[in-house]
Each structure stands twice: as C-alpha cells, then as structure tokens.
Amino acid sequence: MPKEFSRTRRVGEQMQRELAQLIQQEIKDPRIGMLTVQAVEVSRDFSHAKVFVSSLDNAEGMQQSLAILARASGFLRHELGQRIKLRIIPELHFVYDESIERGNRLSSLIDKAIASDKKDE
C-alpha cells in the first residue's frame, strides 16, 4: 500500500496560503479581479504545482485572469522562494476550479426540483 505523502500536502497548503496573499497584495493588475486560491497540488518531486483558482467573474474574465497569472508565474515563484525555504520551488500551473460554479448549478437544479414537487402536490 503506498504511503500517504503528507509532506507534499503540507507544502501545498503552505503554498496556497502564500499564493493567496501574494496575488491579493503584490499583483497590481486591476483586470485580475477577486480571485480565490482553492487548492494547490504539488507533485512528489516538487517540480510542478497545479494552483486551482476560482473567481466570480464570467468565463472571459477568468481566462484573462489565468493569462495574467501565467505571465506573473515567474514573479510569484520567486516570491515563494523568498517566503518558503525549499530546495526546489515548483513551476506554477494555474487552473480554473469549476467546483463553486458546479455547486451553484446543482443547488439551483435541486431547488427547481423541490419547487416542481411542491407544485405537483
């Protein structure tokens, strides 16, 4: 049975906290809007990290925000190196996290189903 790699999980959680703070305070681009860093998945060898972000913006705004973050990934990686003492600072790959949008859609479907059941009674 494979061992749970708790160090990668802990490093991911620390990176999530630091990236959320860096994006909020250091990225000065007004087009980025309000982003939330949902999670960070770090590979076992710490060479890559998927950063899951979500926003209240529409799809076009989110794509623009992801492009801005991709351009700023070198800066963010450098700042992470200053804040977190690791031998290897992973490359950052930003991914849109659809979980909030999917949850809202499921919630509205459930509400519609309940309303239609009450109407049929």
N, C-alpha and C. Protein backbone atom coordinates (compact mmCIF):
# COMPACT_ATOMS: atom_id res chain seq x y z
N MET A 1 0.84 -1.17 0.00
CA MET A 1 0.00 0.00 0.00
C MET A 1 0.89 1.24 0.00
N PRO A 2 0.65 2.20 -0.93
CA PRO A 2 1.53 3.36 -1.00
C PRO A 2 1.35 4.26 0.21
N LYS A 3 2.45 4.85 0.59
CA LYS A 3 2.46 5.76 1.74
C LYS A 3 1.83 7.09 1.36
N GLU A 4 1.07 7.64 2.26
CA GLU A 4 0.50 8.98 2.05
C GLU A 4 1.63 10.00 2.13
N PHE A 5 1.77 10.83 1.11
CA PHE A 5 2.84 11.80 1.08
C PHE A 5 2.36 13.09 1.75
N SER A 6 2.42 13.08 3.06
CA SER A 6 1.89 14.21 3.81
C SER A 6 2.76 15.46 3.65
N ARG A 7 4.03 15.29 3.34
CA ARG A 7 4.88 16.47 3.16
C ARG A 7 4.43 17.26 1.94
N THR A 8 4.08 16.58 0.86
CA THR A 8 3.61 17.30 -0.33
C THR A 8 2.30 18.01 -0.03
N ARG A 9 1.45 17.39 0.76
CA ARG A 9 0.18 18.03 1.13
C ARG A 9 0.43 19.26 1.99
N ARG A 10 1.34 19.15 2.95
CA ARG A 10 1.65 20.29 3.82
C ARG A 10 2.28 21.44 3.03
N VAL A 11 3.19 21.11 2.12
CA VAL A 11 3.81 22.14 1.29
C VAL A 11 2.76 22.80 0.40
N GLY A 12 1.84 22.01 -0.15
CA GLY A 12 0.77 22.56 -0.97
C GLY A 12 -0.11 23.51 -0.19
N GLU A 13 -0.43 23.15 1.05
CA GLU A 13 -1.26 24.02 1.88
C GLU A 13 -0.53 25.33 2.21
N GLN A 14 0.76 25.24 2.49
CA GLN A 14 1.54 26.45 2.76
C GLN A 14 1.64 27.33 1.51
N MET A 15 1.83 26.69 0.35
CA MET A 15 1.89 27.44 -0.90
C MET A 15 0.55 28.11 -1.18
N GLN A 16 -0.55 27.44 -0.86
CA GLN A 16 -1.88 28.02 -1.06
C GLN A 16 -2.03 29.30 -0.25
N ARG A 17 -1.64 29.25 1.01
CA ARG A 17 -1.74 30.45 1.86
C ARG A 17 -0.86 31.59 1.33
N GLU A 18 0.37 31.26 0.97
CA GLU A 18 1.29 32.29 0.50
C GLU A 18 0.87 32.86 -0.85
N LEU A 19 0.41 32.00 -1.76
CA LEU A 19 -0.02 32.49 -3.07
C LEU A 19 -1.25 33.37 -2.97
N ALA A 20 -2.18 33.01 -2.10
CA ALA A 20 -3.38 33.83 -1.92
C ALA A 20 -2.98 35.23 -1.45
N GLN A 21 -2.04 35.28 -0.54
CA GLN A 21 -1.58 36.58 -0.04
C GLN A 21 -0.82 37.34 -1.12
N LEU A 22 0.04 36.65 -1.86
CA LEU A 22 0.82 37.32 -2.91
C LEU A 22 -0.08 37.87 -4.02
N ILE A 23 -1.05 37.07 -4.46
CA ILE A 23 -1.93 37.52 -5.53
C ILE A 23 -2.74 38.72 -5.07
N GLN A 24 -3.19 38.69 -3.85
CA GLN A 24 -4.00 39.80 -3.34
C GLN A 24 -3.19 41.07 -3.15
N GLN A 25 -1.96 40.94 -2.66
CA GLN A 25 -1.21 42.13 -2.27
C GLN A 25 -0.17 42.58 -3.30
N GLU A 26 0.41 41.67 -4.06
CA GLU A 26 1.54 42.03 -4.91
C GLU A 26 1.20 42.18 -6.39
N ILE A 27 0.17 41.48 -6.88
CA ILE A 27 -0.21 41.61 -8.28
C ILE A 27 -1.06 42.87 -8.41
N LYS A 28 -0.58 43.84 -9.15
CA LYS A 28 -1.22 45.15 -9.21
C LYS A 28 -2.13 45.31 -10.43
N ASP A 29 -2.36 44.26 -11.19
CA ASP A 29 -3.18 44.35 -12.40
C ASP A 29 -4.66 44.42 -12.02
N PRO A 30 -5.37 45.49 -12.37
CA PRO A 30 -6.77 45.60 -11.98
C PRO A 30 -7.69 44.63 -12.73
N ARG A 31 -7.23 44.07 -13.85
CA ARG A 31 -8.06 43.13 -14.62
C ARG A 31 -8.20 41.79 -13.93
N ILE A 32 -7.38 41.52 -12.94
CA ILE A 32 -7.38 40.20 -12.32
C ILE A 32 -8.60 39.97 -11.44
N GLY A 33 -9.19 41.01 -10.89
CA GLY A 33 -10.41 40.86 -10.11
C GLY A 33 -10.17 40.14 -8.78
N MET A 34 -11.25 39.62 -8.24
CA MET A 34 -11.19 38.91 -6.97
C MET A 34 -11.00 37.42 -7.23
N LEU A 35 -9.83 36.93 -6.98
CA LEU A 35 -9.52 35.52 -7.17
C LEU A 35 -9.40 34.83 -5.82
N THR A 36 -9.76 33.57 -5.81
CA THR A 36 -9.60 32.74 -4.63
C THR A 36 -8.75 31.55 -4.99
N VAL A 37 -7.71 31.30 -4.23
CA VAL A 37 -6.88 30.12 -4.44
C VAL A 37 -7.54 28.99 -3.67
N GLN A 38 -8.13 28.04 -4.40
CA GLN A 38 -8.88 26.95 -3.78
C GLN A 38 -7.98 25.86 -3.24
N ALA A 39 -6.97 25.47 -4.02
CA ALA A 39 -6.09 24.38 -3.61
C ALA A 39 -4.81 24.44 -4.42
N VAL A 40 -3.79 23.75 -3.92
CA VAL A 40 -2.53 23.60 -4.63
C VAL A 40 -2.13 22.13 -4.54
N GLU A 41 -1.94 21.51 -5.69
CA GLU A 41 -1.46 20.12 -5.74
C GLU A 41 -0.01 20.14 -6.19
N VAL A 42 0.87 19.61 -5.35
CA VAL A 42 2.30 19.60 -5.64
C VAL A 42 2.69 18.19 -6.04
N SER A 43 3.52 18.08 -7.07
CA SER A 43 3.98 16.75 -7.48
C SER A 43 4.95 16.19 -6.44
N ARG A 44 5.18 14.91 -6.50
CA ARG A 44 6.03 14.26 -5.48
C ARG A 44 7.44 14.81 -5.45
N ASP A 45 7.96 15.16 -6.63
CA ASP A 45 9.33 15.66 -6.68
C ASP A 45 9.42 17.18 -6.58
N PHE A 46 8.31 17.83 -6.29
CA PHE A 46 8.24 19.28 -6.09
C PHE A 46 8.65 20.08 -7.33
N SER A 47 8.52 19.49 -8.52
CA SER A 47 8.90 20.22 -9.73
C SER A 47 7.74 20.99 -10.33
N HIS A 48 6.52 20.55 -10.06
CA HIS A 48 5.33 21.21 -10.61
C HIS A 48 4.27 21.35 -9.54
N ALA A 49 3.47 22.40 -9.68
CA ALA A 49 2.35 22.62 -8.77
C ALA A 49 1.17 23.14 -9.57
N LYS A 50 0.03 22.48 -9.41
CA LYS A 50 -1.22 22.97 -10.01
C LYS A 50 -1.90 23.85 -8.98
N VAL A 51 -2.17 25.08 -9.37
CA VAL A 51 -2.83 26.03 -8.49
C VAL A 51 -4.26 26.21 -9.00
N PHE A 52 -5.23 25.76 -8.22
CA PHE A 52 -6.63 25.84 -8.59
C PHE A 52 -7.21 27.16 -8.07
N VAL A 53 -7.67 28.00 -9.01
CA VAL A 53 -8.22 29.29 -8.64
C VAL A 53 -9.66 29.39 -9.12
N SER A 54 -10.45 30.19 -8.42
CA SER A 54 -11.82 30.45 -8.84
C SER A 54 -12.08 31.94 -8.68
N SER A 55 -13.12 32.38 -9.38
CA SER A 55 -13.46 33.79 -9.36
C SER A 55 -14.95 33.93 -9.58
N LEU A 56 -15.47 35.08 -9.26
CA LEU A 56 -16.87 35.37 -9.52
C LEU A 56 -17.06 35.97 -10.90
N ASP A 57 -15.97 36.16 -11.64
CA ASP A 57 -16.05 36.71 -12.99
C ASP A 57 -16.66 35.71 -13.95
N ASN A 58 -17.02 36.19 -15.12
CA ASN A 58 -17.53 35.30 -16.16
C ASN A 58 -16.36 34.55 -16.80
N ALA A 59 -16.65 33.71 -17.78
CA ALA A 59 -15.63 32.86 -18.38
C ALA A 59 -14.53 33.67 -19.07
N GLU A 60 -14.90 34.76 -19.77
CA GLU A 60 -13.88 35.56 -20.44
C GLU A 60 -12.96 36.23 -19.43
N GLY A 61 -13.54 36.75 -18.36
CA GLY A 61 -12.73 37.38 -17.32
C GLY A 61 -11.81 36.39 -16.64
N MET A 62 -12.28 35.17 -16.47
CA MET A 62 -11.45 34.15 -15.83
C MET A 62 -10.30 33.75 -16.73
N GLN A 63 -10.55 33.62 -18.03
CA GLN A 63 -9.48 33.28 -18.96
C GLN A 63 -8.41 34.39 -18.98
N GLN A 64 -8.85 35.62 -18.92
CA GLN A 64 -7.91 36.74 -18.87
C GLN A 64 -7.10 36.71 -17.57
N SER A 65 -7.76 36.40 -16.47
CA SER A 65 -7.06 36.31 -15.19
C SER A 65 -6.03 35.19 -15.20
N LEU A 66 -6.39 34.04 -15.80
CA LEU A 66 -5.45 32.93 -15.89
C LEU A 66 -4.24 33.31 -16.74
N ALA A 67 -4.46 34.07 -17.82
CA ALA A 67 -3.35 34.50 -18.66
C ALA A 67 -2.43 35.46 -17.89
N ILE A 68 -3.02 36.35 -17.11
CA ILE A 68 -2.22 37.28 -16.31
C ILE A 68 -1.40 36.52 -15.27
N LEU A 69 -2.02 35.53 -14.62
CA LEU A 69 -1.31 34.73 -13.63
C LEU A 69 -0.20 33.91 -14.27
N ALA A 70 -0.44 33.40 -15.48
CA ALA A 70 0.60 32.63 -16.17
C ALA A 70 1.80 33.52 -16.47
N ARG A 71 1.55 34.78 -16.87
CA ARG A 71 2.66 35.70 -17.12
C ARG A 71 3.38 36.07 -15.82
N ALA A 72 2.66 36.12 -14.72
CA ALA A 72 3.26 36.51 -13.44
C ALA A 72 3.81 35.32 -12.67
N SER A 73 3.78 34.13 -13.25
CA SER A 73 4.19 32.93 -12.51
C SER A 73 5.66 32.98 -12.11
N GLY A 74 6.51 33.57 -12.93
CA GLY A 74 7.93 33.69 -12.56
C GLY A 74 8.12 34.55 -11.33
N PHE A 75 7.43 35.68 -11.31
CA PHE A 75 7.48 36.57 -10.15
C PHE A 75 6.95 35.87 -8.90
N LEU A 76 5.79 35.20 -9.06
CA LEU A 76 5.19 34.51 -7.91
C LEU A 76 6.09 33.39 -7.41
N ARG A 77 6.72 32.69 -8.33
CA ARG A 77 7.64 31.61 -7.94
C ARG A 77 8.83 32.17 -7.18
N HIS A 78 9.36 33.30 -7.65
CA HIS A 78 10.49 33.93 -6.96
C HIS A 78 10.09 34.36 -5.55
N GLU A 79 8.91 34.97 -5.43
CA GLU A 79 8.45 35.41 -4.11
C GLU A 79 8.18 34.22 -3.19
N LEU A 80 7.68 33.13 -3.74
CA LEU A 80 7.51 31.92 -2.93
C LEU A 80 8.85 31.42 -2.42
N GLY A 81 9.86 31.50 -3.26
CA GLY A 81 11.20 31.10 -2.84
C GLY A 81 11.72 31.92 -1.69
N GLN A 82 11.33 33.20 -1.63
CA GLN A 82 11.74 34.05 -0.53
C GLN A 82 11.00 33.73 0.76
N ARG A 83 9.75 33.28 0.63
CA ARG A 83 8.91 33.05 1.80
C ARG A 83 8.95 31.62 2.32
N ILE A 84 9.14 30.66 1.41
CA ILE A 84 9.16 29.25 1.80
C ILE A 84 10.55 28.72 1.51
N LYS A 85 11.16 28.14 2.50
CA LYS A 85 12.52 27.63 2.33
C LYS A 85 12.46 26.18 1.83
N LEU A 86 12.55 26.03 0.51
CA LEU A 86 12.60 24.72 -0.13
C LEU A 86 13.79 24.70 -1.07
N ARG A 87 14.31 23.53 -1.30
CA ARG A 87 15.41 23.40 -2.25
C ARG A 87 14.92 23.67 -3.67
N ILE A 88 13.74 23.14 -3.99
CA ILE A 88 13.16 23.32 -5.32
C ILE A 88 11.81 24.01 -5.15
N ILE A 89 11.65 25.13 -5.84
CA ILE A 89 10.35 25.80 -5.87
C ILE A 89 9.65 25.34 -7.14
N PRO A 90 8.47 24.77 -7.02
CA PRO A 90 7.81 24.19 -8.20
C PRO A 90 7.38 25.23 -9.23
N GLU A 91 7.31 24.79 -10.49
CA GLU A 91 6.71 25.60 -11.54
C GLU A 91 5.22 25.69 -11.26
N LEU A 92 4.66 26.85 -11.46
CA LEU A 92 3.26 27.07 -11.14
C LEU A 92 2.41 26.97 -12.40
N HIS A 93 1.37 26.15 -12.35
CA HIS A 93 0.42 25.99 -13.43
C HIS A 93 -0.96 26.35 -12.87
N PHE A 94 -1.55 27.42 -13.40
CA PHE A 94 -2.83 27.90 -12.89
C PHE A 94 -3.98 27.25 -13.66
N VAL A 95 -4.97 26.73 -12.91
CA VAL A 95 -6.11 26.01 -13.48
C VAL A 95 -7.38 26.59 -12.87
N TYR A 96 -8.39 26.76 -13.72
CA TYR A 96 -9.68 27.24 -13.24
C TYR A 96 -10.41 26.13 -12.50
N ASP A 97 -10.85 26.41 -11.29
CA ASP A 97 -11.58 25.44 -10.47
C ASP A 97 -13.08 25.70 -10.62
N GLU A 98 -13.77 24.76 -11.22
CA GLU A 98 -15.20 24.93 -11.51
C GLU A 98 -16.10 24.46 -10.38
N SER A 99 -15.56 24.06 -9.26
CA SER A 99 -16.37 23.44 -8.21
C SER A 99 -17.45 24.38 -7.66
N ILE A 100 -17.16 25.66 -7.50
CA ILE A 100 -18.16 26.59 -6.98
C ILE A 100 -19.28 26.77 -8.00
N GLU A 101 -18.90 26.95 -9.26
CA GLU A 101 -19.91 27.10 -10.32
C GLU A 101 -20.77 25.84 -10.43
N ARG A 102 -20.13 24.68 -10.37
CA ARG A 102 -20.86 23.41 -10.45
C ARG A 102 -21.78 23.25 -9.24
N GLY A 103 -21.33 23.64 -8.07
CA GLY A 103 -22.15 23.56 -6.86
C GLY A 103 -23.37 24.47 -6.94
N ASN A 104 -23.17 25.68 -7.47
CA ASN A 104 -24.30 26.61 -7.63
C ASN A 104 -25.31 26.05 -8.62
N ARG A 105 -24.82 25.45 -9.71
CA ARG A 105 -25.73 24.89 -10.71
C ARG A 105 -26.52 23.71 -10.13
N LEU A 106 -25.85 22.84 -9.37
CA LEU A 106 -26.54 21.72 -8.74
C LEU A 106 -27.55 22.19 -7.71
N SER A 107 -27.19 23.22 -6.96
CA SER A 107 -28.11 23.76 -5.96
C SER A 107 -29.36 24.33 -6.62
N SER A 108 -29.19 25.03 -7.74
CA SER A 108 -30.36 25.57 -8.42
C SER A 108 -31.22 24.46 -9.02
N LEU A 109 -30.60 23.38 -9.51
CA LEU A 109 -31.37 22.25 -10.02
C LEU A 109 -32.18 21.58 -8.91
N ILE A 110 -31.58 21.45 -7.73
CA ILE A 110 -32.28 20.86 -6.59
C ILE A 110 -33.45 21.75 -6.18
N ASP A 111 -33.21 23.07 -6.14
CA ASP A 111 -34.29 24.00 -5.80
C ASP A 111 -35.44 23.92 -6.79
N LYS A 112 -35.12 23.81 -8.09
CA LYS A 112 -36.17 23.67 -9.12
C LYS A 112 -36.94 22.38 -8.93
N ALA A 113 -36.25 21.28 -8.62
CA ALA A 113 -36.92 20.00 -8.43
C ALA A 113 -37.85 20.05 -7.22
N ILE A 114 -37.42 20.67 -6.15
CA ILE A 114 -38.25 20.79 -4.95
C ILE A 114 -39.46 21.66 -5.24
N ALA A 115 -39.27 22.76 -5.98
CA ALA A 115 -40.37 23.65 -6.32
C ALA A 115 -41.38 22.93 -7.21
N SER A 116 -40.90 22.14 -8.16
CA SER A 116 -41.83 21.41 -9.04
C SER A 116 -42.56 20.31 -8.28
N ASP A 117 -41.93 19.68 -7.31
CA ASP A 117 -42.61 18.68 -6.48
C ASP A 117 -43.70 19.32 -5.65
N LYS A 118 -43.44 20.49 -5.08
CA LYS A 118 -44.45 21.18 -4.28
C LYS A 118 -45.61 21.63 -5.15
N LYS A 119 -45.30 22.04 -6.38
CA LYS A 119 -46.36 22.50 -7.29
C LYS A 119 -47.24 21.32 -7.72
N ASP A 120 -46.65 20.13 -7.90
CA ASP A 120 -47.41 18.95 -8.34
C ASP A 120 -48.30 18.39 -7.24
N GLU A 121 -48.03 18.72 -5.99
CA GLU A 121 -48.82 18.16 -4.87
C GLU A 121 -50.15 18.74 -4.78
